[in-house]
Amino acid sequence: QVQLVESGGGLVQAGGSLRLSCAASGSIFSFNAMGWYRQAPGKQRELVATITSGGNTNYADSVKGRFTISRDNAKNTVYLQMNSLKPEDTAVYYCNADLYGPVGWGDYWGQGTQVTVSS
């Protein structure tokens, strides 16, 4: 069984910072890309940032220059440093991993962590 557990969400004022973490555990044999997505009330889930096993990153235009994704392969953990937060960043943030687990390659999701940015 594979689990992704996010942490680090919370309430912050506009202009503030938060750091999200996502730790993967279980029978994991290999990782491909990991990433963060978010879903605001009434909106579809959208990509925030991804990072490949080799460290190549991709960001949504709305967060470029403000968010930084990183990973620690030894700890099976991906991070999202969020700076200069805006009220429009308010959403539930989900961790995603493309990994080789007990049933082969698959797409796994965390349970989500709430980020609320007040104006």
N, C-alpha and C. Protein backbone atom coordinates (compact mmCIF):
# COMPACT_ATOMS: atom_id res chain seq x y z
N GLN A 1 0.85 -1.19 0.00
CA GLN A 1 0.00 0.00 0.00
C GLN A 1 0.89 1.24 0.00
N VAL A 2 0.44 2.25 -0.71
CA VAL A 2 1.19 3.50 -0.81
C VAL A 2 0.35 4.64 -0.23
N GLN A 3 0.99 5.50 0.53
CA GLN A 3 0.30 6.68 1.08
C GLN A 3 1.10 7.94 0.80
N LEU A 4 0.39 9.01 0.47
CA LEU A 4 0.98 10.34 0.38
C LEU A 4 0.33 11.19 1.46
N VAL A 5 1.15 11.77 2.31
CA VAL A 5 0.62 12.55 3.43
C VAL A 5 1.17 13.96 3.35
N GLU A 6 0.24 14.92 3.18
CA GLU A 6 0.64 16.33 3.10
C GLU A 6 0.61 16.98 4.48
N SER A 7 1.40 18.01 4.62
CA SER A 7 1.39 18.82 5.84
C SER A 7 1.86 20.23 5.50
N GLY A 8 1.58 21.16 6.41
CA GLY A 8 2.09 22.52 6.25
C GLY A 8 1.08 23.55 5.83
N GLY A 9 -0.15 23.14 5.56
CA GLY A 9 -1.17 24.12 5.20
C GLY A 9 -1.58 24.96 6.40
N GLY A 10 -2.40 25.98 6.15
CA GLY A 10 -2.86 26.82 7.24
C GLY A 10 -3.39 28.14 6.75
N LEU A 11 -3.54 29.05 7.69
CA LEU A 11 -4.05 30.39 7.41
C LEU A 11 -2.89 31.38 7.47
N VAL A 12 -2.80 32.23 6.45
CA VAL A 12 -1.72 33.20 6.39
C VAL A 12 -2.25 34.48 5.76
N GLN A 13 -1.67 35.60 6.12
CA GLN A 13 -2.06 36.86 5.52
C GLN A 13 -1.43 37.02 4.14
N ALA A 14 -2.05 37.81 3.31
CA ALA A 14 -1.51 38.10 1.99
C ALA A 14 -0.09 38.64 2.13
N GLY A 15 0.79 38.14 1.26
CA GLY A 15 2.19 38.52 1.32
C GLY A 15 3.04 37.58 2.14
N GLY A 16 2.39 36.69 2.88
CA GLY A 16 3.10 35.75 3.73
C GLY A 16 3.59 34.53 2.98
N SER A 17 4.13 33.59 3.74
CA SER A 17 4.71 32.37 3.18
C SER A 17 4.24 31.14 3.91
N LEU A 18 4.21 30.05 3.19
CA LEU A 18 3.95 28.72 3.76
C LEU A 18 4.81 27.71 3.02
N ARG A 19 5.12 26.62 3.70
CA ARG A 19 5.85 25.53 3.08
C ARG A 19 5.07 24.25 3.24
N LEU A 20 4.70 23.65 2.13
CA LEU A 20 3.98 22.38 2.16
C LEU A 20 4.97 21.23 1.98
N SER A 21 4.67 20.13 2.64
CA SER A 21 5.47 18.92 2.51
C SER A 21 4.55 17.76 2.17
N CYS A 22 5.08 16.80 1.43
CA CYS A 22 4.33 15.59 1.10
C CYS A 22 5.29 14.42 1.16
N ALA A 23 5.02 13.52 2.08
CA ALA A 23 5.86 12.35 2.26
C ALA A 23 5.15 11.12 1.75
N ALA A 24 5.83 10.36 0.92
CA ALA A 24 5.29 9.12 0.38
C ALA A 24 5.84 7.94 1.18
N SER A 25 4.97 7.00 1.50
CA SER A 25 5.42 5.83 2.26
C SER A 25 4.74 4.58 1.72
N GLY A 26 5.30 3.43 2.07
CA GLY A 26 4.73 2.17 1.62
C GLY A 26 5.70 1.43 0.72
N SER A 27 5.15 0.51 -0.04
CA SER A 27 5.95 -0.32 -0.95
C SER A 27 6.20 0.45 -2.25
N ILE A 28 7.22 1.28 -2.23
CA ILE A 28 7.56 2.12 -3.37
C ILE A 28 8.91 1.69 -3.93
N PHE A 29 8.95 1.42 -5.23
CA PHE A 29 10.17 0.93 -5.84
C PHE A 29 10.87 1.97 -6.70
N SER A 30 10.08 2.90 -7.23
CA SER A 30 10.68 3.93 -8.08
C SER A 30 9.71 5.09 -8.22
N PHE A 31 10.27 6.28 -8.39
CA PHE A 31 9.46 7.48 -8.61
C PHE A 31 9.71 8.04 -9.98
N ASN A 32 8.68 8.64 -10.53
CA ASN A 32 8.85 9.46 -11.72
C ASN A 32 8.58 10.90 -11.26
N ALA A 33 7.61 11.54 -11.82
CA ALA A 33 7.34 12.92 -11.44
C ALA A 33 6.52 12.99 -10.16
N MET A 34 6.71 14.09 -9.44
CA MET A 34 5.87 14.43 -8.29
C MET A 34 5.40 15.86 -8.48
N GLY A 35 4.30 16.18 -7.85
CA GLY A 35 3.80 17.53 -8.06
C GLY A 35 2.75 17.95 -7.08
N TRP A 36 2.33 19.20 -7.25
CA TRP A 36 1.28 19.79 -6.43
C TRP A 36 0.17 20.33 -7.35
N TYR A 37 -1.05 20.09 -6.93
CA TYR A 37 -2.22 20.60 -7.61
C TYR A 37 -3.07 21.30 -6.55
N ARG A 38 -4.01 22.12 -7.00
CA ARG A 38 -4.90 22.78 -6.05
C ARG A 38 -6.30 22.88 -6.63
N GLN A 39 -7.25 22.97 -5.70
CA GLN A 39 -8.65 23.11 -6.09
C GLN A 39 -9.33 24.11 -5.18
N ALA A 40 -9.78 25.19 -5.77
CA ALA A 40 -10.52 26.21 -5.04
C ALA A 40 -12.01 25.89 -5.11
N PRO A 41 -12.80 26.39 -4.18
CA PRO A 41 -14.24 26.12 -4.19
C PRO A 41 -14.88 26.51 -5.51
N GLY A 42 -15.64 25.58 -6.09
CA GLY A 42 -16.34 25.86 -7.33
C GLY A 42 -15.48 25.81 -8.57
N LYS A 43 -14.21 25.44 -8.40
CA LYS A 43 -13.31 25.41 -9.56
C LYS A 43 -12.73 24.01 -9.75
N GLN A 44 -12.20 23.76 -10.93
CA GLN A 44 -11.57 22.49 -11.21
C GLN A 44 -10.17 22.44 -10.59
N ARG A 45 -9.73 21.22 -10.34
CA ARG A 45 -8.37 21.05 -9.84
C ARG A 45 -7.39 21.48 -10.93
N GLU A 46 -6.34 22.21 -10.52
CA GLU A 46 -5.37 22.71 -11.48
C GLU A 46 -3.95 22.42 -11.03
N LEU A 47 -3.08 22.32 -12.01
CA LEU A 47 -1.67 22.08 -11.72
C LEU A 47 -1.05 23.33 -11.12
N VAL A 48 -0.23 23.13 -10.11
CA VAL A 48 0.55 24.21 -9.51
C VAL A 48 2.01 24.09 -9.94
N ALA A 49 2.59 22.92 -9.70
CA ALA A 49 4.00 22.72 -10.04
C ALA A 49 4.31 21.23 -10.06
N THR A 50 5.25 20.85 -10.92
CA THR A 50 5.71 19.47 -10.95
C THR A 50 7.23 19.45 -10.99
N ILE A 51 7.78 18.31 -10.58
CA ILE A 51 9.23 18.11 -10.62
C ILE A 51 9.50 16.66 -10.99
N THR A 52 10.40 16.47 -11.94
CA THR A 52 10.74 15.11 -12.37
C THR A 52 11.78 14.50 -11.44
N SER A 53 12.04 13.22 -11.63
CA SER A 53 13.06 12.57 -10.82
C SER A 53 14.43 13.19 -11.04
N GLY A 54 14.63 13.78 -12.19
CA GLY A 54 15.90 14.43 -12.48
C GLY A 54 15.98 15.88 -12.04
N GLY A 55 14.87 16.39 -11.49
CA GLY A 55 14.88 17.74 -10.96
C GLY A 55 14.35 18.82 -11.89
N ASN A 56 13.84 18.43 -13.05
CA ASN A 56 13.25 19.42 -13.95
C ASN A 56 11.90 19.86 -13.40
N THR A 57 11.66 21.16 -13.42
CA THR A 57 10.45 21.71 -12.82
C THR A 57 9.56 22.39 -13.85
N ASN A 58 8.28 22.45 -13.50
CA ASN A 58 7.29 23.12 -14.34
C ASN A 58 6.30 23.81 -13.41
N TYR A 59 5.93 25.04 -13.75
CA TYR A 59 5.04 25.82 -12.89
C TYR A 59 3.88 26.40 -13.67
N ALA A 60 2.75 26.54 -13.00
CA ALA A 60 1.65 27.30 -13.55
C ALA A 60 2.08 28.76 -13.65
N ASP A 61 1.61 29.45 -14.68
CA ASP A 61 2.00 30.86 -14.85
C ASP A 61 1.65 31.70 -13.63
N SER A 62 0.55 31.35 -12.99
CA SER A 62 0.06 32.14 -11.87
C SER A 62 0.97 32.09 -10.64
N VAL A 63 1.86 31.11 -10.57
CA VAL A 63 2.72 30.98 -9.39
C VAL A 63 4.20 31.16 -9.69
N LYS A 64 4.53 31.32 -10.95
CA LYS A 64 5.95 31.47 -11.32
C LYS A 64 6.55 32.67 -10.61
N GLY A 65 7.75 32.46 -10.07
CA GLY A 65 8.44 33.52 -9.36
C GLY A 65 8.05 33.64 -7.90
N ARG A 66 6.98 32.96 -7.50
CA ARG A 66 6.54 33.02 -6.11
C ARG A 66 6.65 31.67 -5.41
N PHE A 67 6.41 30.58 -6.12
CA PHE A 67 6.44 29.23 -5.56
C PHE A 67 7.67 28.48 -6.06
N THR A 68 8.19 27.61 -5.22
CA THR A 68 9.32 26.77 -5.59
C THR A 68 9.05 25.33 -5.16
N ILE A 69 9.14 24.42 -6.11
CA ILE A 69 8.97 23.00 -5.81
C ILE A 69 10.34 22.35 -5.71
N SER A 70 10.48 21.43 -4.77
CA SER A 70 11.73 20.70 -4.61
C SER A 70 11.41 19.31 -4.09
N ARG A 71 12.38 18.43 -4.15
CA ARG A 71 12.16 17.07 -3.67
C ARG A 71 13.41 16.52 -3.03
N ASP A 72 13.21 15.61 -2.10
CA ASP A 72 14.28 14.87 -1.46
C ASP A 72 14.04 13.41 -1.77
N ASN A 73 14.75 12.89 -2.75
CA ASN A 73 14.51 11.52 -3.19
C ASN A 73 14.82 10.50 -2.10
N ALA A 74 15.77 10.80 -1.26
CA ALA A 74 16.14 9.88 -0.18
C ALA A 74 15.00 9.74 0.83
N LYS A 75 14.20 10.80 0.97
CA LYS A 75 13.10 10.80 1.93
C LYS A 75 11.75 10.60 1.26
N ASN A 76 11.74 10.40 -0.06
CA ASN A 76 10.47 10.25 -0.79
C ASN A 76 9.53 11.42 -0.49
N THR A 77 10.06 12.60 -0.46
CA THR A 77 9.30 13.78 -0.05
C THR A 77 9.43 14.89 -1.08
N VAL A 78 8.30 15.57 -1.32
CA VAL A 78 8.28 16.72 -2.20
C VAL A 78 7.80 17.92 -1.39
N TYR A 79 8.34 19.09 -1.70
CA TYR A 79 8.03 20.31 -0.96
C TYR A 79 7.49 21.37 -1.92
N LEU A 80 6.73 22.29 -1.37
CA LEU A 80 6.29 23.47 -2.12
C LEU A 80 6.46 24.68 -1.22
N GLN A 81 7.45 25.50 -1.54
CA GLN A 81 7.66 26.76 -0.82
C GLN A 81 6.83 27.83 -1.51
N MET A 82 5.93 28.43 -0.76
CA MET A 82 5.01 29.41 -1.32
C MET A 82 5.27 30.77 -0.67
N ASN A 83 5.72 31.71 -1.46
CA ASN A 83 6.00 33.06 -0.98
C ASN A 83 5.06 34.06 -1.65
N SER A 84 5.00 35.25 -1.07
CA SER A 84 4.15 36.32 -1.62
C SER A 84 2.75 35.82 -1.92
N LEU A 85 2.18 35.14 -0.96
CA LEU A 85 0.86 34.52 -1.16
C LEU A 85 -0.22 35.57 -1.38
N LYS A 86 -1.17 35.21 -2.21
CA LYS A 86 -2.30 36.08 -2.56
C LYS A 86 -3.61 35.40 -2.17
N PRO A 87 -4.66 36.17 -1.94
CA PRO A 87 -5.95 35.55 -1.61
C PRO A 87 -6.40 34.54 -2.66
N GLU A 88 -6.05 34.76 -3.91
CA GLU A 88 -6.44 33.81 -4.97
C GLU A 88 -5.67 32.50 -4.91
N ASP A 89 -4.69 32.40 -4.06
CA ASP A 89 -4.00 31.12 -3.84
C ASP A 89 -4.76 30.22 -2.88
N THR A 90 -5.82 30.73 -2.29
CA THR A 90 -6.62 29.94 -1.35
C THR A 90 -7.22 28.74 -2.06
N ALA A 91 -6.97 27.56 -1.52
CA ALA A 91 -7.44 26.31 -2.13
C ALA A 91 -7.02 25.14 -1.26
N VAL A 92 -7.53 23.98 -1.60
CA VAL A 92 -7.00 22.74 -1.05
C VAL A 92 -5.87 22.29 -1.97
N TYR A 93 -4.72 22.05 -1.41
CA TYR A 93 -3.54 21.66 -2.18
C TYR A 93 -3.33 20.15 -2.04
N TYR A 94 -3.16 19.51 -3.19
CA TYR A 94 -3.01 18.06 -3.24
C TYR A 94 -1.63 17.69 -3.79
N CYS A 95 -1.04 16.71 -3.15
CA CYS A 95 0.21 16.14 -3.62
C CYS A 95 -0.09 15.01 -4.59
N ASN A 96 0.74 14.89 -5.61
CA ASN A 96 0.57 13.83 -6.61
C ASN A 96 1.91 13.19 -6.89
N ALA A 97 1.91 11.88 -7.11
CA ALA A 97 3.14 11.18 -7.44
C ALA A 97 2.87 10.10 -8.47
N ASP A 98 3.72 10.05 -9.45
CA ASP A 98 3.72 8.97 -10.44
C ASP A 98 4.82 8.02 -10.02
N LEU A 99 4.43 6.86 -9.51
CA LEU A 99 5.44 5.98 -8.94
C LEU A 99 5.15 4.52 -9.22
N TYR A 100 6.19 3.70 -9.00
CA TYR A 100 6.07 2.25 -9.17
C TYR A 100 5.87 1.66 -7.79
N GLY A 101 4.65 1.19 -7.55
CA GLY A 101 4.30 0.64 -6.25
C GLY A 101 3.99 -0.84 -6.34
N PRO A 102 3.19 -1.34 -5.41
CA PRO A 102 2.91 -2.78 -5.35
C PRO A 102 2.13 -3.33 -6.54
N VAL A 103 1.45 -2.46 -7.30
CA VAL A 103 0.69 -2.94 -8.45
C VAL A 103 1.24 -2.37 -9.75
N GLY A 104 2.49 -1.93 -9.72
CA GLY A 104 3.11 -1.36 -10.91
C GLY A 104 3.06 0.15 -10.90
N TRP A 105 3.25 0.75 -12.10
CA TRP A 105 3.21 2.21 -12.20
C TRP A 105 1.79 2.69 -11.96
N GLY A 106 1.70 3.77 -11.20
CA GLY A 106 0.38 4.33 -10.92
C GLY A 106 0.48 5.77 -10.50
N ASP A 107 -0.68 6.42 -10.47
CA ASP A 107 -0.83 7.83 -10.13
C ASP A 107 -1.47 7.89 -8.74
N TYR A 108 -0.78 8.49 -7.78
CA TYR A 108 -1.27 8.51 -6.40
C TYR A 108 -1.49 9.95 -5.95
N TRP A 109 -2.47 10.11 -5.07
CA TRP A 109 -2.84 11.42 -4.55
C TRP A 109 -2.86 11.42 -3.03
N GLY A 110 -2.50 12.55 -2.45
CA GLY A 110 -2.67 12.75 -1.02
C GLY A 110 -4.09 13.18 -0.71
N GLN A 111 -4.35 13.38 0.58
CA GLN A 111 -5.70 13.71 1.01
C GLN A 111 -6.00 15.20 0.91
N GLY A 112 -4.99 16.01 0.72
CA GLY A 112 -5.16 17.44 0.57
C GLY A 112 -4.90 18.20 1.86
N THR A 113 -4.42 19.42 1.72
CA THR A 113 -4.21 20.29 2.87
C THR A 113 -4.71 21.69 2.49
N GLN A 114 -5.44 22.29 3.42
CA GLN A 114 -6.08 23.58 3.14
C GLN A 114 -5.08 24.72 3.30
N VAL A 115 -5.05 25.60 2.31
CA VAL A 115 -4.29 26.83 2.39
C VAL A 115 -5.27 27.99 2.25
N THR A 116 -5.30 28.87 3.23
CA THR A 116 -6.19 30.02 3.20
C THR A 116 -5.36 31.29 3.35
N VAL A 117 -5.52 32.20 2.39
CA VAL A 117 -4.78 33.45 2.41
C VAL A 117 -5.78 34.59 2.60
N SER A 118 -5.63 35.31 3.68
CA SER A 118 -6.55 36.41 3.98
C SER A 118 -6.00 37.72 3.43
N SER A 119 -6.93 38.59 3.04
CA SER A 119 -6.50 39.88 2.45
C SER A 119 -6.33 40.95 3.52
